[in-house]
């Protein structure tokens, strides 16, 4: 069913609101006495991608970056390899050819082809590069809040990407190899972000996909300009709905034309073209949303009403109480940088990542499911938290109750899946980009650090003795 082809009438809106009256705390029938969490098992969380294209060649609006890269043929040996999607490998090897992973496994089982250069990384831990879905530092400029209108679907960060300024270099030193470089949250929708690597010979080589996502900000920051349309929550919801209605109408015209239902080619509208790709499910909406009410509106308006591929970005304060609703809708959570909430009623700290992932009573009368190991990711909102401290945010989440295996997934394969690029990044698997990071131990232990970092098959960071970055390593 393509939900996006059903414009919401007033009657439909009322029906939707009535259907949502069954949300926790939204309707009658709740009891005052809480019950213990149910031991009943639930099906694994699945992201609702909508009807997205199956192959990169099927994309009509989004553009993907290069598929292979200039690199040496390498056989990389490490004491421990964490592929993430498969069990750890002791005394393993990864083969790299033209920037891609050609083989991974125990060194005793992998044949090294002739001509491959052997690189022995010793007793380190080799992991895939980390992925952060909330980054503002992949460009040298800070012009990310050009609030010409309350919603700005014509804006994009693609033209700002740069790889040579200090903050993006430090990101690589923290093991972060891929970021979603998004506009700021000064307006309700600041434009489209870019999914990019943090190193490369050029911005074109580093590109993974553009657009990466549409940035939407629900409440909070966009309220700074009090009195203007869209500065209050009623106005914001109206403005977003109007933008998406225009985008959906434009998208449907092109769909009808491509299907032969229209003889005349629709007029190209640059302010709506990227919204067309959004309704084609070529990329998601990343929604800066936090606190229960606005996170509820994200689920209700963006996912339920418009049928958009959506993920929550931030999800802090008491928004965790919607874990069960996010689970049912297939809306994943990229949490951060705040990792805790002080519950003033109980005087206890709540680990937000753990609450979203594990579910539980969450102050409801009955237990609700969480999004599980596949539905949680960690972000920094860099430079709010320095990009190189992404692993520290994950360590805090673990300290506050998130299982460490969830945290590793939340730094790697999960954000790659949330953004629809897991066929390229997020794990050490054959055919994926060779984005490999060597740690001197468990990356969830803040005492450990990155020794080497590879992007697209080339080492761009090396702080081992004798390495080019050893002398200026600060930690």
Protein backbone atom coordinates (compact mmCIF):
# COMPACT_ATOMS: atom_id res chain seq x y z
CA UNK A 1 0.00 0.00 0.00
CA UNK A 2 1.39 3.41 -0.97
CA UNK A 3 0.17 5.66 1.82
CA UNK A 4 1.58 8.74 0.08
CA UNK A 5 -1.11 8.62 -2.63
CA UNK A 6 -3.97 9.22 -0.19
CA UNK A 7 -4.34 12.97 0.52
CA UNK A 8 -5.70 13.45 4.02
CA UNK A 9 -9.15 15.07 4.07
CA UNK A 10 -10.64 16.64 7.19
CA UNK A 11 -12.62 13.46 7.75
CA UNK A 12 -9.46 11.42 7.28
CA UNK A 13 -7.63 13.61 9.77
CA UNK A 14 -10.37 13.08 12.35
CA UNK A 15 -10.25 9.33 11.75
CA UNK A 16 -6.48 9.38 12.21
CA UNK A 17 -6.78 11.28 15.48
CA UNK A 18 -9.40 8.83 16.71
CA UNK A 19 -7.18 5.89 15.78
CA UNK A 20 -4.35 7.47 17.75
CA UNK A 21 -6.51 7.76 20.85
CA UNK A 22 -5.27 4.28 21.70
CA UNK A 23 -1.73 5.60 22.16
CA UNK A 24 -0.46 5.27 25.75
CA UNK A 25 -1.98 8.02 27.84
CA UNK A 26 -4.06 9.39 24.92
CA UNK A 27 -7.46 7.94 25.76
CA UNK A 28 -9.64 6.43 28.47
CA UNK A 29 -9.26 3.07 30.07
CA UNK A 30 -5.84 3.51 31.69
CA UNK A 31 -5.35 2.24 35.21
CA UNK A 32 -3.50 3.95 37.99
CA UNK A 33 -1.68 0.88 39.23
CA UNK A 34 1.31 -0.07 37.00
CA UNK A 35 1.94 -3.69 36.16
CA UNK A 36 5.20 -5.55 35.72
CA UNK A 37 6.73 -5.83 32.24
CA UNK A 38 5.30 -8.71 30.25
CA UNK A 39 7.71 -11.55 29.43
CA UNK A 40 5.91 -11.97 26.08
CA UNK A 41 8.34 -11.92 23.17
CA UNK A 42 7.73 -9.60 20.24
CA UNK A 43 8.87 -9.79 16.63
CA UNK A 44 12.19 -8.10 15.82
CA UNK A 45 11.99 -4.41 14.96
CA UNK A 46 11.87 -3.66 11.22
CA UNK A 47 12.41 -0.24 9.64
CA UNK A 48 9.54 0.99 7.47
CA UNK A 49 11.41 2.07 4.33
CA UNK A 50 8.27 2.30 2.23
CA UNK A 51 8.62 1.25 -1.42
CA UNK A 52 12.19 2.43 -1.89
CA UNK A 53 14.13 1.53 -5.06
CA UNK A 54 15.89 -1.82 -4.90
CA UNK A 55 19.09 -0.79 -6.72
CA UNK A 56 21.11 2.40 -7.04
CA UNK A 57 20.37 2.39 -10.76
CA UNK A 58 16.66 2.76 -10.02
CA UNK A 59 17.06 6.10 -8.23
CA UNK A 60 15.72 9.06 -10.23
CA UNK A 61 16.49 11.99 -7.90
CA UNK A 62 19.24 10.88 -5.53
CA UNK A 63 22.81 10.58 -6.79
CA UNK A 64 25.22 8.01 -5.38
CA UNK A 65 28.96 8.54 -5.10
CA UNK A 66 31.63 6.40 -6.80
CA UNK A 67 31.51 2.62 -6.46
CA UNK A 68 35.22 1.89 -6.48
CA UNK A 69 38.30 3.84 -5.56
CA UNK A 70 41.99 4.28 -6.16
CA UNK A 71 43.76 2.20 -3.51
CA UNK A 72 46.46 -0.39 -3.01
CA UNK A 73 45.73 -4.10 -2.87
CA UNK A 74 46.10 -4.87 0.84
CA UNK A 75 45.93 -7.87 3.15
CA UNK A 76 45.24 -6.40 6.60
CA UNK A 77 45.92 -8.61 9.61
CA UNK A 78 44.55 -7.92 13.10
CA UNK A 79 44.32 -9.87 16.34
CA UNK A 80 40.57 -9.25 16.63
CA UNK A 81 38.12 -8.26 13.91
CA UNK A 82 34.56 -7.20 14.77
CA UNK A 83 32.59 -7.38 11.49
CA UNK A 84 29.43 -6.44 13.53
CA UNK A 85 26.95 -8.47 11.47
CA UNK A 86 28.83 -11.73 12.05
CA UNK A 87 30.74 -13.10 15.07
CA UNK A 88 34.16 -11.68 16.02
CA UNK A 89 37.18 -13.16 14.26
CA UNK A 90 40.40 -13.89 16.17
CA UNK A 91 43.67 -13.63 14.23
CA UNK A 92 41.86 -12.44 11.14
CA UNK A 93 42.58 -10.83 7.80
CA UNK A 94 40.71 -8.45 5.49
CA UNK A 95 41.52 -8.24 1.78
CA UNK A 96 41.04 -4.83 0.13
CA UNK A 97 40.95 -4.19 -3.63
CA UNK A 98 40.04 -0.85 -5.26
CA UNK A 99 38.67 0.44 -2.00
CA UNK A 100 36.35 -2.53 -1.48
CA UNK A 101 36.39 -5.48 0.91
CA UNK A 102 37.14 -8.62 -1.11
CA UNK A 103 37.37 -11.16 1.73
CA UNK A 104 37.31 -11.33 5.53
CA UNK A 105 37.94 -14.26 7.83
CA UNK A 106 40.53 -16.14 9.90
CA UNK A 107 44.05 -15.72 8.51
CA UNK A 108 44.39 -19.50 8.40
CA UNK A 109 41.49 -19.74 5.92
CA UNK A 110 42.05 -16.76 3.60
CA UNK A 111 44.44 -17.14 0.67
CA UNK A 112 46.44 -13.98 0.02
CA UNK A 113 46.52 -13.26 -3.74
CA UNK A 114 49.83 -12.52 -5.38
CA UNK A 115 50.76 -8.85 -5.33
CA UNK A 116 48.80 -7.93 -2.20
CA UNK A 117 50.76 -5.86 0.33
CA UNK A 118 50.60 -7.32 3.83
CA UNK A 119 49.80 -4.92 6.68
CA UNK A 120 50.11 -6.42 10.16
CA UNK A 121 48.18 -4.31 12.67
CA UNK A 122 49.23 -6.43 15.63
CA UNK A 123 47.05 -6.79 18.70
CA UNK A 124 44.44 -4.14 17.88
CA UNK A 125 40.70 -4.39 17.41
CA UNK A 126 39.57 -3.80 13.81
CA UNK A 127 36.04 -2.43 13.40
CA UNK A 128 34.02 -0.81 10.62
CA UNK A 129 34.15 2.98 10.62
CA UNK A 130 31.50 4.64 12.77
CA UNK A 131 28.49 6.41 11.24
CA UNK A 132 26.95 9.57 12.74
CA UNK A 133 23.57 10.73 11.44
CA UNK A 134 23.67 14.20 13.01
CA UNK A 135 26.68 16.24 11.93
CA UNK A 136 27.14 19.96 11.23
CA UNK A 137 30.91 20.03 10.69
CA UNK A 138 31.53 18.37 7.32
CA UNK A 139 31.83 21.82 5.77
CA UNK A 140 34.19 24.65 6.63
CA UNK A 141 31.37 27.22 6.81
CA UNK A 142 28.68 27.62 9.47
CA UNK A 143 25.94 28.97 7.19
CA UNK A 144 23.47 26.22 8.06
CA UNK A 145 20.50 28.25 9.32
CA UNK A 146 19.50 30.48 6.41
CA UNK A 147 15.87 30.83 7.49
CA UNK A 148 14.43 32.52 4.41
CA UNK A 149 11.15 30.67 4.97
CA UNK A 150 9.84 28.52 7.83
CA UNK A 151 10.38 25.55 5.47
CA UNK A 152 13.23 25.55 2.94
CA UNK A 153 13.12 22.43 0.73
CA UNK A 154 15.24 24.20 -1.90
CA UNK A 155 18.32 24.38 0.40
CA UNK A 156 21.12 21.80 0.51
CA UNK A 157 24.46 21.19 2.19
CA UNK A 158 26.04 19.50 -0.83
CA UNK A 159 27.81 22.70 -1.89
CA UNK A 160 29.45 23.16 1.52
CA UNK A 161 31.22 19.81 1.97
CA UNK A 162 34.95 20.10 2.70
CA UNK A 163 37.40 17.59 4.11
CA UNK A 164 40.40 19.67 5.18
CA UNK A 165 39.32 21.67 8.20
CA UNK A 166 40.44 20.59 11.71
CA UNK A 167 37.11 19.37 13.08
CA UNK A 168 36.47 16.89 10.28
CA UNK A 169 40.04 15.59 10.61
CA UNK A 170 39.47 15.02 14.32
CA UNK A 171 36.30 13.11 13.46
CA UNK A 172 38.43 10.57 11.61
CA UNK A 173 40.78 10.41 14.60
CA UNK A 174 37.74 9.36 16.63
CA UNK A 175 36.91 6.51 14.26
CA UNK A 176 34.01 8.29 12.49
CA UNK A 177 34.26 7.62 8.74
CA UNK A 178 30.73 8.51 7.56
CA UNK A 179 28.44 11.38 8.54
CA UNK A 180 25.09 12.85 7.58
CA UNK A 181 25.93 16.53 7.13
CA UNK A 182 22.62 18.32 7.70
CA UNK A 183 21.38 21.91 7.92
CA UNK A 184 20.76 23.47 11.31
CA UNK A 185 17.46 23.60 13.18
CA UNK A 186 16.83 27.35 13.01
CA UNK A 187 13.81 26.73 10.77
CA UNK A 188 11.17 24.05 10.68
CA UNK A 189 12.85 22.45 7.68
CA UNK A 190 16.34 23.66 6.85
CA UNK A 191 16.84 21.70 3.65
CA UNK A 192 18.56 18.52 2.50
CA UNK A 193 21.68 16.98 4.01
CA UNK A 194 24.57 15.11 2.42
CA UNK A 195 25.79 11.62 3.32
CA UNK A 196 29.57 11.78 3.04
CA UNK A 197 32.79 10.16 4.17
CA UNK A 198 35.13 12.13 6.44
CA UNK A 199 38.19 11.63 4.20
CA UNK A 200 39.00 11.36 0.53
CA UNK A 201 40.98 12.91 -2.27
CA UNK A 202 38.02 15.13 -3.09
CA UNK A 203 34.49 15.84 -1.93
CA UNK A 204 33.25 13.94 -4.99
CA UNK A 205 35.18 10.83 -3.99
CA UNK A 206 33.93 11.11 -0.41
CA UNK A 207 30.26 11.38 -1.43
CA UNK A 208 28.06 8.44 -0.46
CA UNK A 209 24.68 9.87 -1.50
CA UNK A 210 22.93 13.17 -2.02
CA UNK A 211 20.40 13.88 -0.75
CA UNK A 212 21.18 12.04 2.45
CA UNK A 213 17.94 13.12 4.14
CA UNK A 214 15.52 15.99 4.54
CA UNK A 215 16.20 17.82 7.80
CA UNK A 216 13.07 18.65 9.81
CA UNK A 217 13.10 20.31 13.24
CA UNK A 218 10.05 19.89 15.44
CA UNK A 219 9.73 22.57 18.12
CA UNK A 220 12.56 23.87 20.28
CA UNK A 221 15.11 25.67 18.12
CA UNK A 222 12.70 26.90 15.40
CA UNK A 223 10.66 28.69 18.09
CA UNK A 224 13.36 31.34 18.55
CA UNK A 225 11.67 33.77 16.15
CA UNK A 226 8.52 34.23 18.22
CA UNK A 227 5.58 35.79 16.37
CA UNK A 228 6.45 34.59 12.85
CA UNK A 229 4.44 31.93 11.06
CA UNK A 230 5.81 28.58 12.07
CA UNK A 231 7.47 29.77 15.28
CA UNK A 232 4.79 28.09 17.39
CA UNK A 233 3.91 24.43 17.30
CA UNK A 234 0.55 24.94 15.61
CA UNK A 235 2.17 27.00 12.87
CA UNK A 236 5.01 24.50 12.49
CA UNK A 237 2.63 21.61 11.90
CA UNK A 238 0.67 23.69 9.40
CA UNK A 239 3.82 24.75 7.53
CA UNK A 240 5.23 21.24 7.31
CA UNK A 241 1.91 19.86 6.14
CA UNK A 242 1.67 22.52 3.43
CA UNK A 243 5.24 21.78 2.24
CA UNK A 244 4.62 18.04 2.06
CA UNK A 245 1.29 18.48 0.29
CA UNK A 246 3.00 20.53 -2.43
CA UNK A 247 5.80 17.99 -2.68
CA UNK A 248 3.39 15.06 -2.90
CA UNK A 249 1.36 16.71 -5.67
CA UNK A 250 4.56 17.32 -7.67
CA UNK A 251 5.70 13.74 -7.09
CA UNK A 252 2.36 12.30 -8.25
CA UNK A 253 2.52 14.32 -11.48
CA UNK A 254 5.90 12.80 -12.29
CA UNK A 255 4.71 9.31 -11.37
CA UNK A 256 1.73 9.69 -13.71
CA UNK A 257 4.01 10.97 -16.48
CA UNK A 258 6.46 8.08 -16.05
CA UNK A 259 3.52 5.64 -16.12
CA UNK A 260 2.24 7.12 -19.39
CA UNK A 261 -0.87 8.66 -17.82
CA UNK A 262 0.22 12.21 -18.72
CA UNK A 263 1.34 13.13 -22.22
CA UNK A 264 2.92 16.45 -21.31
CA UNK A 265 6.08 16.37 -19.22
CA UNK A 266 5.60 18.17 -15.88
CA UNK A 267 7.42 21.45 -15.40
CA UNK A 268 10.66 21.04 -13.46
CA UNK A 269 10.43 22.82 -10.09
CA UNK A 270 13.79 23.00 -8.29
CA UNK A 271 12.20 23.84 -4.94
CA UNK A 272 10.15 20.61 -5.07
CA UNK A 273 12.46 18.21 -6.95
CA UNK A 274 14.15 16.84 -3.84
CA UNK A 275 10.74 16.37 -2.20
CA UNK A 276 9.86 14.22 -5.18
CA UNK A 277 12.75 11.90 -4.28
CA UNK A 278 11.56 11.91 -0.70
CA UNK A 279 8.14 10.56 -1.72
CA UNK A 280 9.88 8.01 -3.93
CA UNK A 281 11.49 6.76 -0.70
CA UNK A 282 14.98 7.30 -2.11
CA UNK A 283 16.03 8.85 1.22
CA UNK A 284 14.40 9.50 4.61
CA UNK A 285 13.29 12.43 6.73
CA UNK A 286 15.62 12.90 9.70
CA UNK A 287 13.57 14.65 12.35
CA UNK A 288 15.17 16.77 15.06
CA UNK A 289 12.48 15.94 17.62
CA UNK A 290 12.59 15.64 21.38
CA UNK A 291 10.04 15.60 24.18
CA UNK A 292 6.93 13.45 24.07
CA UNK A 293 4.52 15.80 22.30
CA UNK A 294 6.68 16.66 19.30
CA UNK A 295 7.98 13.11 18.89
CA UNK A 296 4.33 11.99 18.85
CA UNK A 297 3.66 14.54 16.09
CA UNK A 298 6.59 13.14 14.11
CA UNK A 299 5.04 9.68 14.21
CA UNK A 300 1.56 10.97 13.51
CA UNK A 301 2.17 13.53 10.75
CA UNK A 302 5.30 12.42 8.91
CA UNK A 303 4.90 8.65 9.11
CA UNK A 304 1.17 8.02 9.49
CA UNK A 305 -0.25 10.89 7.46
CA UNK A 306 2.32 11.23 4.67
CA UNK A 307 3.78 7.73 4.71
CA UNK A 308 7.38 8.95 4.71
CA UNK A 309 10.45 6.89 5.55
CA UNK A 310 11.33 8.57 8.85
CA UNK A 311 13.81 8.32 11.67
CA UNK A 312 13.88 10.23 14.94
CA UNK A 313 17.00 12.30 15.45
CA UNK A 314 17.64 13.27 19.12
CA UNK A 315 14.61 11.61 20.78
CA UNK A 316 15.63 12.99 24.17
CA UNK A 317 13.81 14.13 27.33
CA UNK A 318 10.59 12.11 27.84
CA UNK A 319 10.18 11.06 24.19
CA UNK A 320 11.39 7.56 25.17
CA UNK A 321 7.86 6.86 26.43
CA UNK A 322 6.89 6.41 22.76
CA UNK A 323 9.18 3.40 22.32
CA UNK A 324 6.22 1.10 21.71
CA UNK A 325 4.75 3.40 19.08
CA UNK A 326 8.08 3.74 17.26
CA UNK A 327 8.38 -0.05 17.32
CA UNK A 328 4.92 -0.56 15.78
CA UNK A 329 5.60 1.95 13.01
CA UNK A 330 9.14 0.87 12.15
CA UNK A 331 10.56 4.32 12.99
CA UNK A 332 14.12 3.95 14.36
CA UNK A 333 15.82 6.24 16.85
CA UNK A 334 19.16 8.02 16.43
CA UNK A 335 19.64 9.20 20.00
CA UNK A 336 21.81 11.95 21.36
CA UNK A 337 23.70 13.79 22.46
CA UNK A 338 21.75 13.80 25.74
CA UNK A 339 21.90 10.25 27.10
CA UNK A 340 19.88 10.57 30.30
CA UNK A 341 16.83 12.17 31.88
CA UNK A 342 16.38 12.97 35.55
CA UNK A 343 12.91 11.71 36.43
CA UNK A 344 11.80 14.23 39.03
CA UNK A 345 8.94 12.01 40.21
CA UNK A 346 11.26 9.19 41.24
CA UNK A 347 14.56 11.11 41.57
CA UNK A 348 16.22 8.57 39.27
CA UNK A 349 18.34 8.92 36.15
CA UNK A 350 16.86 7.19 33.13
CA UNK A 351 19.20 5.95 30.43
CA UNK A 352 17.41 7.13 27.30
CA UNK A 353 19.05 4.78 24.80
CA UNK A 354 18.26 1.85 27.07
CA UNK A 355 14.65 2.99 27.50
CA UNK A 356 14.10 3.33 23.74
CA UNK A 357 15.80 0.03 22.97
CA UNK A 358 14.51 -2.16 25.79
CA UNK A 359 11.05 -0.72 26.34
CA UNK A 360 9.28 -1.70 29.55
CA UNK A 361 6.62 0.01 31.62
CA UNK A 362 8.09 3.49 30.95
CA UNK A 363 5.50 4.99 33.33
CA UNK A 364 2.63 3.44 31.37
CA UNK A 365 0.18 1.04 33.07
CA UNK A 366 1.42 -1.79 30.84
CA UNK A 367 4.78 -2.71 29.39
CA UNK A 368 5.55 -1.64 25.83
CA UNK A 369 8.17 -3.08 23.46
CA UNK A 370 11.36 -1.23 22.68
CA UNK A 371 12.99 -0.85 19.27
CA UNK A 372 15.53 -3.51 20.20
CA UNK A 373 19.10 -3.99 18.96
CA UNK A 374 18.23 -2.98 15.38
CA UNK A 375 16.36 0.24 16.15
CA UNK A 376 18.80 2.39 18.13
CA UNK A 377 21.77 4.50 17.00
CA UNK A 378 23.93 7.11 18.73
CA UNK A 379 24.73 10.62 17.51
CA UNK A 380 26.64 13.72 18.65
CA UNK A 381 25.01 16.73 16.97
CA UNK A 382 28.60 17.84 16.32
CA UNK A 383 29.90 20.38 17.21
CA UNK A 384 27.46 20.36 20.17
CA UNK A 385 29.47 17.29 21.18
CA UNK A 386 32.79 17.01 19.33
CA UNK A 387 32.48 14.57 16.45
CA UNK A 388 35.46 12.55 17.69
CA UNK A 389 33.58 11.81 20.94
CA UNK A 390 30.88 9.68 19.32
CA UNK A 391 32.29 6.58 21.02
CA UNK A 392 32.09 8.36 24.38
CA UNK A 393 28.37 8.97 23.82
CA UNK A 394 27.96 5.23 23.23
CA UNK A 395 29.96 4.46 26.38
CA UNK A 396 27.64 6.73 28.37
CA UNK A 397 24.62 4.91 26.95
CA UNK A 398 26.11 1.58 28.06
CA UNK A 399 26.86 2.99 31.52
CA UNK A 400 23.17 3.93 31.72
CA UNK A 401 21.85 0.50 30.76
CA UNK A 402 22.18 -0.05 27.01
CA UNK A 403 23.70 -3.49 26.24
CA UNK A 404 27.18 -3.06 24.77
CA UNK A 405 26.30 -5.15 21.70
CA UNK A 406 23.45 -2.71 20.99
CA UNK A 407 25.87 0.20 21.33
CA UNK A 408 28.33 -1.22 18.79
CA UNK A 409 25.46 -1.74 16.34
CA UNK A 410 24.30 1.78 17.14
CA UNK A 411 27.63 3.17 15.94
CA UNK A 412 27.89 1.08 12.78
CA UNK A 413 25.30 -1.03 10.97
CA UNK A 414 22.19 0.53 12.51
CA UNK A 415 22.77 4.13 11.38
CA UNK A 416 23.88 2.76 8.01
CA UNK A 417 20.50 1.01 7.71
CA UNK A 418 18.52 3.98 9.01
CA UNK A 419 19.94 6.10 6.18
CA UNK A 420 19.66 3.35 3.53
CA UNK A 421 23.39 2.90 2.85
CA UNK A 422 24.05 -0.41 4.60
CA UNK A 423 24.99 -2.03 1.28
CA UNK A 424 28.08 0.22 1.36
CA UNK A 425 28.96 1.06 4.97
CA UNK A 426 28.37 -0.06 8.56
CA UNK A 427 30.02 -3.49 8.73
CA UNK A 428 33.03 -5.47 7.50
CA UNK A 429 31.47 -7.53 4.73
CA UNK A 430 32.50 -8.57 1.25
CA UNK A 431 31.54 -5.96 -1.33
CA UNK A 432 31.30 -3.03 1.07
CA UNK A 433 33.54 0.03 1.15
CA UNK A 434 36.80 -0.60 3.00
CA UNK A 435 36.18 1.83 5.87
CA UNK A 436 38.22 0.19 8.63
CA UNK A 437 39.30 1.55 12.00
CA UNK A 438 41.90 0.01 14.28
CA UNK A 439 41.45 0.60 18.02
CA UNK A 440 43.92 -0.35 20.71
CA UNK A 441 41.08 -2.06 22.59
CA UNK A 442 37.33 -1.99 23.17
CA UNK A 443 36.04 1.30 21.67
CA UNK A 444 33.34 1.47 24.36
CA UNK A 445 36.10 1.94 26.96
CA UNK A 446 36.94 5.68 26.85
CA UNK A 447 40.55 4.90 27.78
CA UNK A 448 41.08 3.37 24.34
CA UNK A 449 41.83 5.29 21.16
CA UNK A 450 42.07 4.96 17.39
CA UNK A 451 45.42 3.81 16.08
CA UNK A 452 44.66 3.85 12.37
CA UNK A 453 41.71 4.78 10.18
CA UNK A 454 41.05 3.76 6.57
CA UNK A 455 38.44 5.23 4.23
CA UNK A 456 37.69 3.68 0.84
CA UNK A 457 40.78 1.48 1.07
CA UNK A 458 43.31 4.22 1.95
CA UNK A 459 44.79 4.93 5.39
CA UNK A 460 44.21 8.60 6.15
CA UNK A 461 45.08 8.50 9.86
CA UNK A 462 47.99 6.72 11.57
CA UNK A 463 49.06 7.52 15.11
CA UNK A 464 51.12 4.36 15.64
CA UNK A 465 54.82 5.03 16.38
CA UNK A 466 56.32 6.32 13.18
CA UNK A 467 52.91 7.14 11.74
CA UNK A 468 52.23 10.59 10.28
CA UNK A 469 49.81 11.51 13.08
CA UNK A 470 51.75 10.10 16.02
CA UNK A 471 53.47 13.32 17.06
CA UNK A 472 50.23 15.33 17.31
CA UNK A 473 48.06 12.72 19.00
CA UNK A 474 46.49 14.53 21.94
CA UNK A 475 45.23 11.64 24.02
